[in-house]
Amino acid sequence: MKLAPLALIGISLAPTSAMAADWRYLATSTTETVIYVDVSSVRDLPAIPIARPFPVRQIWSKSDHTNDATEPDRETKSLHRFNCSAETMLIASTSGYRPNGTVSQSRSNEDYDFRYEPVTPDSIGYALMEFACGRRALDPNAR
């Protein structure tokens, strides 16, 4: 039975299939918030009968507010869902983090078609939608 602890160590060191986030620079806002997208998080979600009768593209974003004096949080992470053909968006989930790393706020929105809103042209949301929907490539030399 002396081998059992060694076996447990071997199991705990085995590689797993969980994927880490792959944050890439997308844009900087007019208030100096730096926006990143997790390129490994892009997913196609099928329509949900009755609730959301259209497919969507989902992606995570991270907003670094370090240089934004208007934002009390240090960082925000948000899960976006886009109806690419209609150019509408739902922020499905968002969490804000204080400079010390604690959660300042967290909220979720139910995935119903009436909750999707038009994406404002020439905005960070529009840049997110363009990337998520495959209309915009990321600049490999940026940040």
Protein backbone atom coordinates (compact mmCIF):
# COMPACT_ATOMS: atom_id res chain seq x y z
CA MET A 1 0.00 0.00 0.00
CA LYS A 2 2.99 2.34 0.02
CA LEU A 3 2.48 2.87 -3.71
CA ALA A 4 -0.95 4.43 -3.33
CA PRO A 5 0.32 7.94 -2.41
CA LEU A 6 2.73 7.85 -5.34
CA ALA A 7 -0.09 6.84 -7.67
CA LEU A 8 -2.16 9.80 -6.47
CA ILE A 9 0.74 12.17 -7.13
CA GLY A 10 1.07 10.78 -10.64
CA ILE A 11 -2.63 11.25 -11.30
CA SER A 12 -2.61 14.82 -10.01
CA LEU A 13 0.31 15.71 -12.31
CA ALA A 14 -1.30 14.22 -15.41
CA PRO A 15 -2.22 16.78 -18.10
CA THR A 16 -5.87 17.77 -18.30
CA SER A 17 -8.02 18.87 -21.19
CA ALA A 18 -9.03 22.19 -19.57
CA MET A 19 -7.99 25.14 -21.68
CA ALA A 20 -6.58 28.36 -20.30
CA ALA A 21 -7.79 31.68 -21.62
CA ASP A 22 -5.86 33.08 -24.58
CA TRP A 23 -6.26 36.86 -24.17
CA ARG A 24 -5.40 38.96 -27.22
CA TYR A 25 -5.52 42.74 -27.60
CA LEU A 26 -8.60 44.08 -29.43
CA ALA A 27 -8.79 47.84 -28.81
CA THR A 28 -8.36 50.74 -26.40
CA SER A 29 -11.34 52.88 -25.45
CA THR A 30 -11.40 56.67 -25.40
CA THR A 31 -11.09 56.47 -21.59
CA GLU A 32 -7.93 54.32 -21.88
CA THR A 33 -9.55 51.01 -20.94
CA VAL A 34 -7.71 48.24 -22.79
CA ILE A 35 -9.96 45.51 -24.22
CA TYR A 36 -8.84 41.93 -24.79
CA VAL A 37 -10.70 38.94 -26.24
CA ASP A 38 -10.20 35.32 -25.29
CA VAL A 39 -9.71 33.82 -28.72
CA SER A 40 -10.12 30.31 -27.29
CA SER A 41 -13.63 31.13 -26.03
CA VAL A 42 -15.38 31.72 -29.37
CA ARG A 43 -18.34 29.36 -29.60
CA ASP A 44 -21.36 28.91 -31.84
CA LEU A 45 -24.55 28.34 -29.87
CA PRO A 46 -27.65 26.96 -31.58
CA ALA A 47 -31.05 28.58 -31.47
CA ILE A 48 -33.20 27.92 -28.40
CA PRO A 49 -36.83 27.28 -29.40
CA ILE A 50 -39.20 29.93 -28.07
CA ALA A 51 -36.56 31.77 -25.94
CA ARG A 52 -34.04 32.70 -28.66
CA PRO A 53 -35.01 31.45 -32.13
CA PHE A 54 -31.66 32.32 -33.74
CA PRO A 55 -28.08 31.03 -33.39
CA VAL A 56 -25.45 33.21 -31.73
CA ARG A 57 -21.69 33.52 -31.49
CA GLN A 58 -20.31 33.73 -27.95
CA ILE A 59 -16.99 35.23 -26.75
CA TRP A 60 -15.36 36.42 -23.50
CA SER A 61 -13.79 39.86 -23.19
CA LYS A 62 -11.58 41.37 -20.51
CA SER A 63 -11.40 45.10 -19.88
CA ASP A 64 -8.27 46.38 -18.13
CA HIS A 65 -9.20 49.65 -16.43
CA THR A 66 -5.75 50.36 -14.95
CA ASN A 67 -5.36 53.62 -16.91
CA ASP A 68 -9.05 54.60 -16.87
CA ALA A 69 -9.65 57.19 -14.12
CA THR A 70 -13.43 56.97 -14.66
CA GLU A 71 -13.64 53.29 -13.66
CA PRO A 72 -13.37 52.18 -10.00
CA ASP A 73 -12.79 48.52 -10.95
CA ARG A 74 -9.36 47.30 -12.00
CA GLU A 75 -10.77 44.72 -14.43
CA THR A 76 -14.05 43.50 -15.88
CA LYS A 77 -14.72 40.19 -17.61
CA SER A 78 -17.84 39.80 -19.74
CA LEU A 79 -19.47 37.03 -21.75
CA HIS A 80 -20.99 38.41 -24.97
CA ARG A 81 -23.46 36.73 -27.32
CA PHE A 82 -23.93 38.13 -30.81
CA ASN A 83 -26.63 37.56 -33.40
CA CYS A 84 -24.20 38.22 -36.25
CA SER A 85 -26.80 38.58 -39.00
CA ALA A 86 -28.94 41.08 -37.06
CA GLU A 87 -25.95 42.85 -35.43
CA THR A 88 -27.47 42.56 -31.97
CA MET A 89 -25.79 41.67 -28.68
CA LEU A 90 -26.52 40.33 -25.22
CA ILE A 91 -24.06 40.62 -22.34
CA ALA A 92 -24.83 37.25 -20.79
CA SER A 93 -22.57 37.65 -17.78
CA THR A 94 -20.19 40.25 -16.37
CA SER A 95 -18.00 40.51 -13.27
CA GLY A 96 -15.99 43.45 -11.99
CA TYR A 97 -12.82 43.12 -9.92
CA ARG A 98 -11.37 45.68 -7.52
CA PRO A 99 -7.64 46.52 -7.51
CA ASN A 100 -7.14 43.98 -4.68
CA GLY A 101 -8.70 41.22 -6.81
CA THR A 102 -12.00 40.87 -4.95
CA VAL A 103 -15.28 40.83 -6.88
CA SER A 104 -17.04 44.19 -6.85
CA GLN A 105 -20.11 43.12 -8.83
CA SER A 106 -21.40 40.20 -10.84
CA ARG A 107 -24.56 39.80 -12.88
CA SER A 108 -26.11 37.60 -15.53
CA ASN A 109 -28.85 38.13 -18.11
CA GLU A 110 -31.25 35.46 -19.29
CA ASP A 111 -30.83 34.46 -22.93
CA TYR A 112 -34.12 35.63 -24.47
CA ASP A 113 -34.44 37.24 -27.91
CA PHE A 114 -35.99 40.43 -26.49
CA ARG A 115 -32.86 41.08 -24.40
CA TYR A 116 -30.62 41.45 -27.48
CA GLU A 117 -29.91 45.07 -28.36
CA PRO A 118 -28.45 46.67 -31.49
CA VAL A 119 -24.67 47.03 -31.43
CA THR A 120 -23.60 50.68 -31.68
CA PRO A 121 -21.44 51.37 -34.77
CA ASP A 122 -17.86 52.57 -34.14
CA SER A 123 -17.90 51.24 -30.57
CA ILE A 124 -15.91 48.66 -28.59
CA GLY A 125 -19.01 46.45 -28.76
CA TYR A 126 -18.96 46.69 -32.54
CA ALA A 127 -15.26 45.74 -32.64
CA LEU A 128 -16.05 42.74 -30.40
CA MET A 129 -18.90 41.72 -32.69
CA GLU A 130 -16.77 42.06 -35.82
CA PHE A 131 -14.09 39.80 -34.35
CA ALA A 132 -16.52 37.26 -32.88
CA CYS A 133 -18.48 37.08 -36.14
CA GLY A 134 -15.33 36.62 -38.23
CA ARG A 135 -15.38 40.06 -39.89
CA ARG A 136 -12.26 41.45 -38.21
CA ALA A 137 -8.81 40.00 -37.67
CA LEU A 138 -6.70 40.87 -34.64
CA ASP A 139 -3.48 42.81 -35.19
CA PRO A 140 -0.71 40.34 -34.24
CA ASN A 141 1.69 43.24 -33.52
CA ALA A 142 -0.63 45.09 -31.14
CA ARG A 143 0.27 45.13 -27.45
